[in-house]
Amino acid sequence: MTRISIALLLAVMASSIWLVRVQYESRRLSTEWHRVSVEARQLEVEHQRLLVEKRAQATPLRVERLASDKLRMRTPTPATTLYVAADGSSLEPAAGGKP
């Protein structure tokens, strides 16, 4: 009878230790999942913010202003326009805006 009791006691102890380990692992994984989901939410918010910023940076008005201010680009005039023939042989300034 005592052998059976000792065996049952050892089985109960082993199963209780296993149960504690499984609960600990479950809590650890749950905490990790929560942390990762919060980080994913933050990254999604950052991604949306960057998309809005990208759209704001690429507006035609801003691009035109940067081209004229920083790159000193100007709208071409007929006096500064050169026309190239299809064979590439002659370059002529535009006369009165016509080729």
PDB file of N, CA and C in Angstrom:
ATOM      1  N   MET A   1       0.820  -1.191   0.000  1.00  0.00           N
ATOM      2  CA  MET A   1       0.000   0.000   0.000  1.00  0.00           C
ATOM      3  C   MET A   1       0.867   1.259   0.000  1.00  0.00           C
ATOM      4  N   THR A   2       1.948   1.264   0.713  1.00  0.00           N
ATOM      5  CA  THR A   2       2.800   2.445   0.792  1.00  0.00           C
ATOM      6  C   THR A   2       3.515   2.708  -0.528  1.00  0.00           C
ATOM      7  N   ARG A   3       3.821   1.636  -1.248  1.00  0.00           N
ATOM      8  CA  ARG A   3       4.462   1.837  -2.559  1.00  0.00           C
ATOM      9  C   ARG A   3       3.516   2.548  -3.530  1.00  0.00           C
ATOM     10  N   ILE A   4       2.286   2.133  -3.508  1.00  0.00           N
ATOM     11  CA  ILE A   4       1.298   2.765  -4.379  1.00  0.00           C
ATOM     12  C   ILE A   4       1.116   4.219  -3.962  1.00  0.00           C
ATOM     13  N   SER A   5       1.067   4.489  -2.669  1.00  0.00           N
ATOM     14  CA  SER A   5       0.907   5.860  -2.175  1.00  0.00           C
ATOM     15  C   SER A   5       2.091   6.727  -2.580  1.00  0.00           C
ATOM     16  N   ILE A   6       3.292   6.189  -2.468  1.00  0.00           N
ATOM     17  CA  ILE A   6       4.485   6.941  -2.846  1.00  0.00           C
ATOM     18  C   ILE A   6       4.483   7.199  -4.352  1.00  0.00           C
ATOM     19  N   ALA A   7       4.098   6.215  -5.138  1.00  0.00           N
ATOM     20  CA  ALA A   7       4.044   6.371  -6.592  1.00  0.00           C
ATOM     21  C   ALA A   7       2.996   7.417  -6.979  1.00  0.00           C
ATOM     22  N   LEU A   8       1.834   7.346  -6.339  1.00  0.00           N
ATOM     23  CA  LEU A   8       0.790   8.334  -6.607  1.00  0.00           C
ATOM     24  C   LEU A   8       1.234   9.730  -6.177  1.00  0.00           C
ATOM     25  N   LEU A   9       1.909   9.833  -5.020  1.00  0.00           N
ATOM     26  CA  LEU A   9       2.408  11.119  -4.544  1.00  0.00           C
ATOM     27  C   LEU A   9       3.421  11.695  -5.532  1.00  0.00           C
ATOM     28  N   LEU A  10       4.315  10.867  -6.036  1.00  0.00           N
ATOM     29  CA  LEU A  10       5.295  11.318  -7.022  1.00  0.00           C
ATOM     30  C   LEU A  10       4.605  11.742  -8.320  1.00  0.00           C
ATOM     31  N   ALA A  11       3.574  11.009  -8.728  1.00  0.00           N
ATOM     32  CA  ALA A  11       2.841  11.368  -9.937  1.00  0.00           C
ATOM     33  C   ALA A  11       2.126  12.704  -9.755  1.00  0.00           C
ATOM     34  N   VAL A  12       1.532  12.918  -8.579  1.00  0.00           N
ATOM     35  CA  VAL A  12       0.854  14.182  -8.303  1.00  0.00           C
ATOM     36  C   VAL A  12       1.862  15.329  -8.272  1.00  0.00           C
ATOM     37  N   MET A  13       3.006  15.120  -7.657  1.00  0.00           N
ATOM     38  CA  MET A  13       4.045  16.150  -7.596  1.00  0.00           C
ATOM     39  C   MET A  13       4.561  16.484  -9.009  1.00  0.00           C
ATOM     40  N   ALA A  14       4.811  15.479  -9.812  1.00  0.00           N
ATOM     41  CA  ALA A  14       5.303  15.702 -11.164  1.00  0.00           C
ATOM     42  C   ALA A  14       4.264  16.443 -12.003  1.00  0.00           C
ATOM     43  N   SER A  15       3.004  16.051 -11.882  1.00  0.00           N
ATOM     44  CA  SER A  15       1.975  16.729 -12.666  1.00  0.00           C
ATOM     45  C   SER A  15       1.760  18.162 -12.184  1.00  0.00           C
ATOM     46  N   SER A  16       1.897  18.412 -10.886  1.00  0.00           N
ATOM     47  CA  SER A  16       1.736  19.782 -10.395  1.00  0.00           C
ATOM     48  C   SER A  16       2.907  20.661 -10.856  1.00  0.00           C
ATOM     49  N   ILE A  17       4.115  20.111 -10.859  1.00  0.00           N
ATOM     50  CA  ILE A  17       5.276  20.867 -11.359  1.00  0.00           C
ATOM     51  C   ILE A  17       5.101  21.149 -12.853  1.00  0.00           C
ATOM     52  N   TRP A  18       4.633  20.139 -13.609  1.00  0.00           N
ATOM     53  CA  TRP A  18       4.399  20.332 -15.031  1.00  0.00           C
ATOM     54  C   TRP A  18       3.327  21.393 -15.268  1.00  0.00           C
ATOM     55  N   LEU A  19       2.255  21.382 -14.449  1.00  0.00           N
ATOM     56  CA  LEU A  19       1.175  22.353 -14.576  1.00  0.00           C
ATOM     57  C   LEU A  19       1.676  23.773 -14.301  1.00  0.00           C
ATOM     58  N   VAL A  20       2.504  23.950 -13.285  1.00  0.00           N
ATOM     59  CA  VAL A  20       3.059  25.266 -12.981  1.00  0.00           C
ATOM     60  C   VAL A  20       3.929  25.750 -14.134  1.00  0.00           C
ATOM     61  N   ARG A  21       4.720  24.857 -14.682  1.00  0.00           N
ATOM     62  CA  ARG A  21       5.581  25.221 -15.815  1.00  0.00           C
ATOM     63  C   ARG A  21       4.753  25.638 -17.027  1.00  0.00           C
ATOM     64  N   VAL A  22       3.700  24.903 -17.328  1.00  0.00           N
ATOM     65  CA  VAL A  22       2.848  25.210 -18.468  1.00  0.00           C
ATOM     66  C   VAL A  22       2.139  26.552 -18.257  1.00  0.00           C
ATOM     67  N   GLN A  23       1.653  26.815 -17.052  1.00  0.00           N
ATOM     68  CA  GLN A  23       1.000  28.100 -16.773  1.00  0.00           C
ATOM     69  C   GLN A  23       1.994  29.259 -16.907  1.00  0.00           C
ATOM     70  N   TYR A  24       3.202  29.063 -16.421  1.00  0.00           N
ATOM     71  CA  TYR A  24       4.230  30.108 -16.537  1.00  0.00           C
ATOM     72  C   TYR A  24       4.519  30.395 -18.011  1.00  0.00           C
ATOM     73  N   GLU A  25       4.685  29.354 -18.798  1.00  0.00           N
ATOM     74  CA  GLU A  25       4.972  29.520 -20.222  1.00  0.00           C
ATOM     75  C   GLU A  25       3.798  30.203 -20.928  1.00  0.00           C
ATOM     76  N   SER A  26       2.585  29.839 -20.549  1.00  0.00           N
ATOM     77  CA  SER A  26       1.397  30.461 -21.128  1.00  0.00           C
ATOM     78  C   SER A  26       1.355  31.947 -20.803  1.00  0.00           C
ATOM     79  N   ARG A  27       1.629  32.324 -19.596  1.00  0.00           N
ATOM     80  CA  ARG A  27       1.647  33.735 -19.210  1.00  0.00           C
ATOM     81  C   ARG A  27       2.762  34.485 -19.927  1.00  0.00           C
ATOM     82  N   ARG A  28       3.920  33.859 -20.030  1.00  0.00           N
ATOM     83  CA  ARG A  28       5.038  34.492 -20.712  1.00  0.00           C
ATOM     84  C   ARG A  28       4.703  34.745 -22.182  1.00  0.00           C
ATOM     85  N   LEU A  29       4.122  33.754 -22.841  1.00  0.00           N
ATOM     86  CA  LEU A  29       3.745  33.910 -24.241  1.00  0.00           C
ATOM     87  C   LEU A  29       2.636  34.952 -24.409  1.00  0.00           C
ATOM     88  N   SER A  30       1.706  34.976 -23.492  1.00  0.00           N
ATOM     89  CA  SER A  30       0.636  35.974 -23.558  1.00  0.00           C
ATOM     90  C   SER A  30       1.199  37.380 -23.412  1.00  0.00           C
ATOM     91  N   THR A  31       2.121  37.571 -22.489  1.00  0.00           N
ATOM     92  CA  THR A  31       2.760  38.871 -22.298  1.00  0.00           C
ATOM     93  C   THR A  31       3.559  39.262 -23.541  1.00  0.00           C
ATOM     94  N   GLU A  32       4.280  38.324 -24.102  1.00  0.00           N
ATOM     95  CA  GLU A  32       5.061  38.575 -25.313  1.00  0.00           C
ATOM     96  C   GLU A  32       4.146  38.946 -26.482  1.00  0.00           C
ATOM     97  N   TRP A  33       3.032  38.238 -26.631  1.00  0.00           N
ATOM     98  CA  TRP A  33       2.083  38.536 -27.700  1.00  0.00           C
ATOM     99  C   TRP A  33       1.515  39.947 -27.525  1.00  0.00           C
ATOM    100  N   HIS A  34       1.182  40.314 -26.305  1.00  0.00           N
ATOM    101  CA  HIS A  34       0.654  41.658 -26.038  1.00  0.00           C
ATOM    102  C   HIS A  34       1.705  42.720 -26.395  1.00  0.00           C
ATOM    103  N   ARG A  35       2.943  42.498 -26.000  1.00  0.00           N
ATOM    104  CA  ARG A  35       4.015  43.447 -26.296  1.00  0.00           C
ATOM    105  C   ARG A  35       4.210  43.598 -27.798  1.00  0.00           C
ATOM    106  N   VAL A  36       4.202  42.498 -28.504  1.00  0.00           N
ATOM    107  CA  VAL A  36       4.395  42.534 -29.956  1.00  0.00           C
ATOM    108  C   VAL A  36       3.198  43.203 -30.638  1.00  0.00           C
ATOM    109  N   SER A  37       2.000  42.969 -30.159  1.00  0.00           N
ATOM    110  CA  SER A  37       0.836  43.609 -30.783  1.00  0.00           C
ATOM    111  C   SER A  37       0.851  45.113 -30.548  1.00  0.00           C
ATOM    112  N   VAL A  38       1.313  45.565 -29.370  1.00  0.00           N
ATOM    113  CA  VAL A  38       1.446  47.002 -29.114  1.00  0.00           C
ATOM    114  C   VAL A  38       2.497  47.597 -30.049  1.00  0.00           C
ATOM    115  N   GLU A  39       3.604  46.909 -30.210  1.00  0.00           N
ATOM    116  CA  GLU A  39       4.659  47.384 -31.111  1.00  0.00           C
ATOM    117  C   GLU A  39       4.166  47.430 -32.556  1.00  0.00           C
ATOM    118  N   ALA A  40       3.390  46.429 -32.959  1.00  0.00           N
ATOM    119  CA  ALA A  40       2.844  46.414 -34.327  1.00  0.00           C
ATOM    120  C   ALA A  40       1.895  47.590 -34.528  1.00  0.00           C
ATOM    121  N   ARG A  41       1.090  47.892 -33.520  1.00  0.00           N
ATOM    122  CA  ARG A  41       0.187  49.031 -33.611  1.00  0.00           C
ATOM    123  C   ARG A  41       0.972  50.331 -33.743  1.00  0.00           C
ATOM    124  N   GLN A  42       2.046  50.462 -32.973  1.00  0.00           N
ATOM    125  CA  GLN A  42       2.879  51.663 -33.048  1.00  0.00           C
ATOM    126  C   GLN A  42       3.535  51.785 -34.426  1.00  0.00           C
ATOM    127  N   LEU A  43       4.002  50.666 -34.964  1.00  0.00           N
ATOM    128  CA  LEU A  43       4.619  50.688 -36.285  1.00  0.00           C
ATOM    129  C   LEU A  43       3.596  51.045 -37.364  1.00  0.00           C
ATOM    130  N   GLU A  44       2.367  50.572 -37.218  1.00  0.00           N
ATOM    131  CA  GLU A  44       1.330  50.912 -38.183  1.00  0.00           C
ATOM    132  C   GLU A  44       1.011  52.405 -38.135  1.00  0.00           C
ATOM    133  N   VAL A  45       0.958  52.970 -36.932  1.00  0.00           N
ATOM    134  CA  VAL A  45       0.718  54.411 -36.789  1.00  0.00           C
ATOM    135  C   VAL A  45       1.871  55.198 -37.425  1.00  0.00           C
ATOM    136  N   GLU A  46       3.099  54.764 -37.174  1.00  0.00           N
ATOM    137  CA  GLU A  46       4.269  55.421 -37.758  1.00  0.00           C
ATOM    138  C   GLU A  46       4.244  55.316 -39.285  1.00  0.00           C
ATOM    139  N   HIS A  47       3.848  54.157 -39.790  1.00  0.00           N
ATOM    140  CA  HIS A  47       3.766  53.956 -41.234  1.00  0.00           C
ATOM    141  C   HIS A  47       2.731  54.903 -41.843  1.00  0.00           C
ATOM    142  N   GLN A  48       1.577  55.020 -41.227  1.00  0.00           N
ATOM    143  CA  GLN A  48       0.545  55.930 -41.729  1.00  0.00           C
ATOM    144  C   GLN A  48       1.025  57.378 -41.687  1.00  0.00           C
ATOM    145  N   ARG A  49       1.727  57.760 -40.620  1.00  0.00           N
ATOM    146  CA  ARG A  49       2.252  59.116 -40.506  1.00  0.00           C
ATOM    147  C   ARG A  49       3.257  59.390 -41.623  1.00  0.00           C
ATOM    148  N   LEU A  50       4.120  58.418 -41.902  1.00  0.00           N
ATOM    149  CA  LEU A  50       5.109  58.594 -42.959  1.00  0.00           C
ATOM    150  C   LEU A  50       4.459  58.671 -44.337  1.00  0.00           C
ATOM    151  N   LEU A  51       3.388  57.918 -44.559  1.00  0.00           N
ATOM    152  CA  LEU A  51       2.682  58.007 -45.834  1.00  0.00           C
ATOM    153  C   LEU A  51       2.066  59.392 -46.024  1.00  0.00           C
ATOM    154  N   VAL A  52       1.491  59.929 -44.958  1.00  0.00           N
ATOM    155  CA  VAL A  52       0.915  61.276 -45.043  1.00  0.00           C
ATOM    156  C   VAL A  52       2.016  62.297 -45.314  1.00  0.00           C
ATOM    157  N   GLU A  53       3.129  62.146 -44.624  1.00  0.00           N
ATOM    158  CA  GLU A  53       4.255  63.064 -44.830  1.00  0.00           C
ATOM    159  C   GLU A  53       4.797  62.954 -46.255  1.00  0.00           C
ATOM    160  N   LYS A  54       4.867  61.747 -46.774  1.00  0.00           N
ATOM    161  CA  LYS A  54       5.345  61.535 -48.146  1.00  0.00           C
ATOM    162  C   LYS A  54       4.415  62.225 -49.139  1.00  0.00           C
ATOM    163  N   ARG A  55       3.097  62.072 -48.934  1.00  0.00           N
ATOM    164  CA  ARG A  55       2.147  62.739 -49.825  1.00  0.00           C
ATOM    165  C   ARG A  55       2.291  64.251 -49.748  1.00  0.00           C
ATOM    166  N   ALA A  56       2.524  64.766 -48.547  1.00  0.00           N
ATOM    167  CA  ALA A  56       2.672  66.217 -48.382  1.00  0.00           C
ATOM    168  C   ALA A  56       3.949  66.718 -49.055  1.00  0.00           C
ATOM    169  N   GLN A  57       5.011  65.929 -49.030  1.00  0.00           N
ATOM    170  CA  GLN A  57       6.281  66.336 -49.618  1.00  0.00           C
ATOM    171  C   GLN A  57       6.245  66.298 -51.142  1.00  0.00           C
ATOM    172  N   ALA A  58       5.359  65.509 -51.713  1.00  0.00           N
ATOM    173  CA  ALA A  58       5.357  65.312 -53.164  1.00  0.00           C
ATOM    174  C   ALA A  58       4.273  66.111 -53.878  1.00  0.00           C
ATOM    175  N   THR A  59       3.731  67.133 -53.240  1.00  0.00           N
ATOM    176  CA  THR A  59       2.713  67.929 -53.923  1.00  0.00           C
ATOM    177  C   THR A  59       3.363  68.706 -55.063  1.00  0.00           C
ATOM    178  N   PRO A  60       2.648  68.901 -56.152  1.00  0.00           N
ATOM    179  CA  PRO A  60       3.224  69.615 -57.306  1.00  0.00           C
ATOM    180  C   PRO A  60       3.701  71.026 -56.951  1.00  0.00           C
ATOM    181  N   LEU A  61       2.961  71.726 -56.109  1.00  0.00           N
ATOM    182  CA  LEU A  61       3.361  73.077 -55.741  1.00  0.00           C
ATOM    183  C   LEU A  61       4.704  73.075 -55.011  1.00  0.00           C
ATOM    184  N   ARG A  62       4.895  72.120 -54.103  1.00  0.00           N
ATOM    185  CA  ARG A  62       6.155  72.039 -53.355  1.00  0.00           C
ATOM    186  C   ARG A  62       7.315  71.672 -54.279  1.00  0.00           C
ATOM    187  N   VAL A  63       7.077  70.730 -55.179  1.00  0.00           N
ATOM    188  CA  VAL A  63       8.129  70.324 -56.117  1.00  0.00           C
ATOM    189  C   VAL A  63       8.525  71.504 -57.000  1.00  0.00           C
ATOM    190  N   GLU A  64       7.539  72.258 -57.482  1.00  0.00           N
ATOM    191  CA  GLU A  64       7.834  73.411 -58.328  1.00  0.00           C
ATOM    192  C   GLU A  64       8.603  74.479 -57.550  1.00  0.00           C
ATOM    193  N   ARG A  65       8.205  74.711 -56.309  1.00  0.00           N
ATOM    194  CA  ARG A  65       8.893  75.701 -55.486  1.00  0.00           C
ATOM    195  C   ARG A  65      10.340  75.286 -55.211  1.00  0.00           C
ATOM    196  N   LEU A  66      10.558  74.006 -54.895  1.00  0.00           N
ATOM    197  CA  LEU A  66      11.929  73.524 -54.674  1.00  0.00           C
ATOM    198  C   LEU A  66      12.765  73.622 -55.938  1.00  0.00           C
ATOM    199  N   ALA A  67      12.156  73.312 -57.087  1.00  0.00           N
ATOM    200  CA  ALA A  67      12.888  73.379 -58.348  1.00  0.00           C
ATOM    201  C   ALA A  67      13.329  74.807 -58.637  1.00  0.00           C
ATOM    202  N   SER A  68      12.466  75.759 -58.356  1.00  0.00           N
ATOM    203  CA  SER A  68      12.838  77.147 -58.658  1.00  0.00           C
ATOM    204  C   SER A  68      13.764  77.738 -57.594  1.00  0.00           C
ATOM    205  N   ASP A  69      13.547  77.428 -56.338  1.00  0.00           N
ATOM    206  CA  ASP A  69      14.363  78.013 -55.267  1.00  0.00           C
ATOM    207  C   ASP A  69      15.732  77.343 -55.128  1.00  0.00           C
ATOM    208  N   LYS A  70      15.733  76.047 -54.956  1.00  0.00           N
ATOM    209  CA  LYS A  70      16.997  75.352 -54.669  1.00  0.00           C
ATOM    210  C   LYS A  70      17.783  75.002 -55.922  1.00  0.00           C
ATOM    211  N   LEU A  71      17.094  74.592 -56.975  1.00  0.00           N
ATOM    212  CA  LEU A  71      17.788  74.176 -58.194  1.00  0.00           C
ATOM    213  C   LEU A  71      17.887  75.294 -59.225  1.00  0.00           C
ATOM    214  N   ARG A  72      17.259  76.413 -58.938  1.00  0.00           N
ATOM    215  CA  ARG A  72      17.263  77.579 -59.814  1.00  0.00           C
ATOM    216  C   ARG A  72      16.758  77.237 -61.222  1.00  0.00           C
ATOM    217  N   MET A  73      15.752  76.396 -61.275  1.00  0.00           N
ATOM    218  CA  MET A  73      15.150  76.032 -62.559  1.00  0.00           C
ATOM    219  C   MET A  73      14.089  77.074 -62.902  1.00  0.00           C
ATOM    220  N   ARG A  74      13.974  77.371 -64.152  1.00  0.00           N
ATOM    221  CA  ARG A  74      13.004  78.347 -64.636  1.00  0.00           C
ATOM    222  C   ARG A  74      12.179  77.722 -65.748  1.00  0.00           C
ATOM    223  N   THR A  75      11.033  78.301 -66.006  1.00  0.00           N
ATOM    224  CA  THR A  75      10.190  77.843 -67.095  1.00  0.00           C
ATOM    225  C   THR A  75      10.868  78.214 -68.412  1.00  0.00           C
ATOM    226  N   PRO A  76      10.956  77.297 -69.340  1.00  0.00           N
ATOM    227  CA  PRO A  76      11.653  77.607 -70.599  1.00  0.00           C
ATOM    228  C   PRO A  76      10.867  78.617 -71.421  1.00  0.00           C
ATOM    229  N   THR A  77      11.609  79.467 -72.090  1.00  0.00           N
ATOM    230  CA  THR A  77      11.007  80.445 -72.992  1.00  0.00           C
ATOM    231  C   THR A  77      11.386  80.076 -74.415  1.00  0.00           C
ATOM    232  N   PRO A  78      10.656  80.572 -75.396  1.00  0.00           N
ATOM    233  CA  PRO A  78      11.016  80.259 -76.783  1.00  0.00           C
ATOM    234  C   PRO A  78      12.420  80.735 -77.147  1.00  0.00           C
ATOM    235  N   ALA A  79      12.903  81.784 -76.505  1.00  0.00           N
ATOM    236  CA  ALA A  79      14.243  82.282 -76.812  1.00  0.00           C
ATOM    237  C   ALA A  79      15.331  81.330 -76.334  1.00  0.00           C
ATOM    238  N   THR A  80      15.058  80.543 -75.328  1.00  0.00           N
ATOM    239  CA  THR A  80      16.079  79.628 -74.800  1.00  0.00           C
ATOM    240  C   THR A  80      15.876  78.190 -75.257  1.00  0.00           C
ATOM    241  N   THR A  81      14.880  77.962 -76.093  1.00  0.00           N
ATOM    242  CA  THR A  81      14.578  76.612 -76.545  1.00  0.00           C
ATOM    243  C   THR A  81      15.337  76.296 -77.818  1.00  0.00           C
ATOM    244  N   LEU A  82      15.970  75.149 -77.869  1.00  0.00           N
ATOM    245  CA  LEU A  82      16.667  74.673 -79.065  1.00  0.00           C
ATOM    246  C   LEU A  82      15.929  73.452 -79.588  1.00  0.00           C
ATOM    247  N   TYR A  83      15.791  73.368 -80.891  1.00  0.00           N
ATOM    248  CA  TYR A  83      15.125  72.236 -81.503  1.00  0.00           C
ATOM    249  C   TYR A  83      16.152  71.382 -82.216  1.00  0.00           C
ATOM    250  N   VAL A  84      16.021  70.095 -82.095  1.00  0.00           N
ATOM    251  CA  VAL A  84      16.952  69.148 -82.697  1.00  0.00           C
ATOM    252  C   VAL A  84      16.221  68.415 -83.804  1.00  0.00           C
ATOM    253  N   ALA A  85      16.893  68.270 -84.929  1.00  0.00           N
ATOM    254  CA  ALA A  85      16.305  67.529 -86.039  1.00  0.00           C
ATOM    255  C   ALA A  85      16.283  66.055 -85.696  1.00  0.00           C
ATOM    256  N   ALA A  86      15.477  65.316 -86.424  1.00  0.00           N
ATOM    257  CA  ALA A  86      15.323  63.890 -86.153  1.00  0.00           C
ATOM    258  C   ALA A  86      16.640  63.148 -86.300  1.00  0.00           C
ATOM    259  N   ASP A  87      17.503  63.580 -87.229  1.00  0.00           N
ATOM    260  CA  ASP A  87      18.796  62.916 -87.397  1.00  0.00           C
ATOM    261  C   ASP A  87      19.838  63.449 -86.419  1.00  0.00           C
ATOM    262  N   GLY A  88      19.500  64.489 -85.675  1.00  0.00           N
ATOM    263  CA  GLY A  88      20.400  65.026 -84.667  1.00  0.00           C
ATOM    264  C   GLY A  88      21.466  65.929 -85.221  1.00  0.00           C
ATOM    265  N   SER A  89      21.373  66.328 -86.477  1.00  0.00           N
ATOM    266  CA  SER A  89      22.450  67.071 -87.109  1.00  0.00           C
ATOM    267  C   SER A  89      22.382  68.575 -86.874  1.00  0.00           C
ATOM    268  N   SER A  90      21.211  69.138 -86.817  1.00  0.00           N
ATOM    269  CA  SER A  90      21.175  70.595 -86.720  1.00  0.00           C
ATOM    270  C   SER A  90      20.480  71.042 -85.447  1.00  0.00           C
ATOM    271  N   LEU A  91      21.089  72.034 -84.823  1.00  0.00           N
ATOM    272  CA  LEU A  91      20.498  72.664 -83.655  1.00  0.00           C
ATOM    273  C   LEU A  91      20.176  74.089 -84.039  1.00  0.00           C
ATOM    274  N   GLU A  92      18.954  74.477 -83.864  1.00  0.00           N
ATOM    275  CA  GLU A  92      18.582  75.847 -84.202  1.00  0.00           C
ATOM    276  C   GLU A  92      17.788  76.437 -83.053  1.00  0.00           C
ATOM    277  N   PRO A  93      18.055  77.694 -82.728  1.00  0.00           N
ATOM    278  CA  PRO A  93      17.207  78.335 -81.733  1.00  0.00           C
ATOM    279  C   PRO A  93      15.823  78.571 -82.343  1.00  0.00           C
ATOM    280  N   ALA A  94      14.845  78.558 -81.468  1.00  0.00           N
ATOM    281  CA  ALA A  94      13.481  78.766 -81.940  1.00  0.00           C
ATOM    282  C   ALA A  94      13.336  80.211 -82.381  1.00  0.00           C
ATOM    283  N   ALA A  95      12.746  80.414 -83.533  1.00  0.00           N
ATOM    284  CA  ALA A  95      12.510  81.762 -84.052  1.00  0.00           C
ATOM    285  C   ALA A  95      11.055  82.084 -83.818  1.00  0.00           C
ATOM    286  N   GLY A  96      10.816  82.946 -82.852  1.00  0.00           N
ATOM    287  CA  GLY A  96       9.448  83.343 -82.581  1.00  0.00           C
ATOM    288  C   GLY A  96       8.617  82.238 -81.978  1.00  0.00           C
ATOM    289  N   GLY A  97       9.244  81.253 -81.411  1.00  0.00           N
ATOM    290  CA  GLY A  97       8.521  80.186 -80.741  1.00  0.00           C
ATOM    291  C   GLY A  97       8.091  79.054 -81.654  1.00  0.00           C
ATOM    292  N   LYS A  98       8.469  79.107 -82.976  1.00  0.00           N
ATOM    293  CA  LYS A  98       8.079  78.051 -83.907  1.00  0.00           C
ATOM    294  C   LYS A  98       9.323  77.295 -84.352  1.00  0.00           C
ATOM    295  N   PRO A  99       9.191  76.000 -84.611  1.00  0.00           N
ATOM    296  CA  PRO A  99      10.357  75.227 -85.059  1.00  0.00           C
ATOM    297  C   PRO A  99      10.736  75.484 -86.487  1.00  0.00           C
TER     298      PRO A  99
END
